[in-house]
Structure formats: C-alpha cells, structure tokens
Amino acid sequence: MKRRKFLLASISAFVLSLVSLWYYKFRSTKIEALSYPMDLSKICDRKTLIGIGTTHRKLTDENTKNYLEELLLQDAVVIETNLKMSLRNKVTEDFNTGNTILIDGWLLSKTEARQCAFLSMSEVN
C-alpha cells in the first residue's frame, strides 16, 4: 500500500511540474509578444520603447496591464507561434485604417503604442 501511494504521489508531482513548465513557457512567450512591437523594436532600443510607452500611458486612459493585454489580444490569435504575426497584422491594419497616434515624434499604430505601454508597465518594479 505504501508503494502505491508513493507512485501516485510521484506521478502526480511529475504531471504537475510538466503542466507548470508548459504554462510558464507559454506565458513568457505571450508576454514577450505583447511587449515588443516587431518592426519598431528593430529601430528603437529598449529605453526608447519604454519612453514611448510611458508617454502613451500619460496621454490615454490605458493605464493597467490587464486592460492593455485585453486590448492587444482583441481579435488576436493567442496561439504561441501566431501571436506575434497576429499583432503585426494588427499594426498593418492600424496604419491602413488611420488608427495611429503621434508620440515623441513617432507616428505609431495604436497597437505598437499599446505594446510599448505594456512593456513600460512590465519594467516598473
């Protein structure tokens, strides 16, 4: 009987650790996709992105991480590999429809500005 309990506890612990590892891997990929606008991060350093995000938060009422995450994930595919492309498509759509904002001399799509705001909130300790 003791051996059976040990085996059940061991298997349960193993399954739990696999589930938690998968969750944290997916979560970190999701957070990275939400925090970094793909094209803008190629021409701006991290400090500039954070500055843009801080300014965006001051100009709008988008001041909480949960609200920003909700806005960014609207109509986005939340599958790990497609989230970055989905956000990139939203950026293109924003430019095509004129859904833009001027921040610190940068003409940005709303999606890019929100990603920078999300990054700036992630950096606050």
Protein backbone atom coordinates (compact mmCIF):
# COMPACT_ATOMS: atom_id res chain seq x y z
CA MET A 1 0.00 0.00 0.00
CA LYS A 2 2.81 2.44 0.80
CA ARG A 3 4.43 1.77 -2.56
CA ARG A 4 1.16 2.59 -4.34
CA LYS A 5 0.86 5.94 -2.50
CA PHE A 6 4.46 6.76 -3.33
CA LEU A 7 3.96 6.00 -7.01
CA LEU A 8 0.75 8.05 -7.16
CA ALA A 9 2.43 10.99 -5.44
CA SER A 10 5.44 10.76 -7.76
CA ILE A 11 3.33 10.62 -10.92
CA SER A 12 1.14 13.48 -9.71
CA ALA A 13 4.19 15.63 -8.95
CA PHE A 14 5.68 14.86 -12.37
CA VAL A 15 2.47 15.75 -14.22
CA LEU A 16 2.07 18.93 -12.18
CA SER A 17 5.62 20.04 -12.95
CA LEU A 18 5.13 19.39 -16.69
CA VAL A 19 1.92 21.42 -16.72
CA SER A 20 3.52 24.31 -14.84
CA LEU A 21 6.58 24.31 -17.11
CA TRP A 22 4.36 24.45 -20.19
CA TYR A 23 2.29 27.26 -18.65
CA TYR A 24 5.32 29.42 -17.82
CA LYS A 25 6.90 28.82 -21.22
CA PHE A 26 3.70 29.85 -22.99
CA ARG A 27 3.20 32.83 -20.64
CA SER A 28 6.72 34.18 -21.19
CA THR A 29 6.30 33.88 -24.98
CA LYS A 30 2.97 35.67 -24.75
CA ILE A 31 4.41 38.46 -22.56
CA GLU A 32 7.32 38.91 -24.98
CA ALA A 33 4.95 39.17 -27.95
CA LEU A 34 2.75 41.69 -26.14
CA SER A 35 5.73 43.80 -25.01
CA TYR A 36 7.74 44.21 -28.18
CA PRO A 37 6.40 45.68 -31.41
CA MET A 38 8.30 43.64 -34.02
CA ASP A 39 9.19 46.35 -36.51
CA LEU A 40 9.62 49.21 -34.05
CA SER A 41 11.96 47.18 -31.83
CA LYS A 42 14.31 46.80 -34.80
CA ILE A 43 14.92 50.55 -34.97
CA CYS A 44 14.41 51.61 -31.33
CA ASP A 45 16.28 50.50 -28.26
CA ARG A 46 14.53 49.28 -25.14
CA LYS A 47 14.84 52.65 -23.37
CA THR A 48 13.10 54.44 -26.25
CA LEU A 49 10.29 51.84 -26.33
CA ILE A 50 9.75 52.29 -22.59
CA GLY A 51 9.71 56.08 -23.01
CA ILE A 52 7.10 55.82 -25.76
CA GLY A 53 5.03 53.50 -23.58
CA THR A 54 5.21 55.83 -20.59
CA THR A 55 4.11 58.79 -22.71
CA HIS A 56 1.27 56.74 -24.23
CA ARG A 57 0.00 55.86 -20.75
CA LYS A 58 0.02 59.56 -19.79
CA LEU A 59 -1.90 60.54 -22.95
CA THR A 60 -4.58 57.85 -22.72
CA ASP A 61 -6.63 56.09 -20.08
CA GLU A 62 -4.88 52.79 -20.85
CA ASN A 63 -3.08 52.55 -17.52
CA THR A 64 -3.39 48.95 -16.37
CA LYS A 65 -1.63 45.85 -17.65
CA ASN A 66 -4.85 43.85 -17.73
CA TYR A 67 -6.65 46.46 -19.82
CA LEU A 68 -3.71 46.76 -22.23
CA GLU A 69 -3.49 42.98 -22.53
CA GLU A 70 -7.21 42.81 -23.26
CA LEU A 71 -6.89 45.48 -25.96
CA LEU A 72 -3.87 43.82 -27.54
CA LEU A 73 -5.44 40.37 -27.57
CA GLN A 74 -8.71 41.58 -29.12
CA ASP A 75 -9.11 39.71 -32.39
CA ALA A 76 -5.62 38.24 -31.97
CA VAL A 77 -4.76 34.59 -32.31
CA VAL A 78 -3.39 33.54 -28.94
CA ILE A 79 -1.54 30.51 -30.25
CA GLU A 80 2.12 30.77 -29.29
CA THR A 81 3.57 30.92 -32.81
CA ASN A 82 0.85 33.08 -34.37
CA LEU A 83 0.50 35.78 -31.71
CA LYS A 84 3.46 37.79 -32.99
CA MET A 85 2.17 37.62 -36.56
CA SER A 86 -1.35 38.46 -35.44
CA LEU A 87 -0.09 41.57 -33.64
CA ARG A 88 2.00 42.51 -36.66
CA ASN A 89 -1.11 42.23 -38.85
CA LYS A 90 -2.99 44.46 -36.39
CA VAL A 91 -0.21 47.06 -36.74
CA THR A 92 -0.54 46.98 -40.53
CA GLU A 93 -4.31 47.23 -40.26
CA ASP A 94 -3.97 50.20 -37.89
CA PHE A 95 -1.84 52.07 -40.42
CA ASN A 96 -4.20 51.21 -43.27
CA THR A 97 -7.23 52.49 -41.35
CA GLY A 98 -5.52 55.55 -39.88
CA ASN A 99 -5.67 54.21 -36.32
CA THR A 100 -2.42 55.96 -35.38
CA ILE A 101 -1.01 58.19 -32.66
CA LEU A 102 1.88 60.67 -32.62
CA ILE A 103 4.17 60.19 -29.61
CA ASP A 104 7.53 61.90 -29.16
CA GLY A 105 7.80 62.50 -32.90
CA TRP A 106 6.97 58.90 -33.80
CA LEU A 107 3.87 58.11 -35.84
CA LEU A 108 2.81 54.79 -34.37
CA SER A 109 -0.09 52.45 -34.76
CA LYS A 110 -2.27 52.16 -31.67
CA THR A 111 -1.16 48.54 -31.35
CA GLU A 112 2.54 49.50 -31.29
CA ALA A 113 1.88 52.23 -28.72
CA ARG A 114 -0.03 49.77 -26.55
CA GLN A 115 2.78 47.24 -26.80
CA CYS A 116 5.24 49.92 -25.66
CA ALA A 117 2.91 50.85 -22.79
CA PHE A 118 2.69 47.19 -21.80
CA LEU A 119 6.50 47.00 -21.84
CA SER A 120 6.82 50.14 -19.72
CA MET A 121 4.45 48.67 -17.14
CA SER A 122 6.40 45.41 -17.14
CA GLU A 123 9.58 47.35 -16.36
CA VAL A 124 8.14 49.09 -13.29
CA ASN A 125 9.43 47.44 -10.12
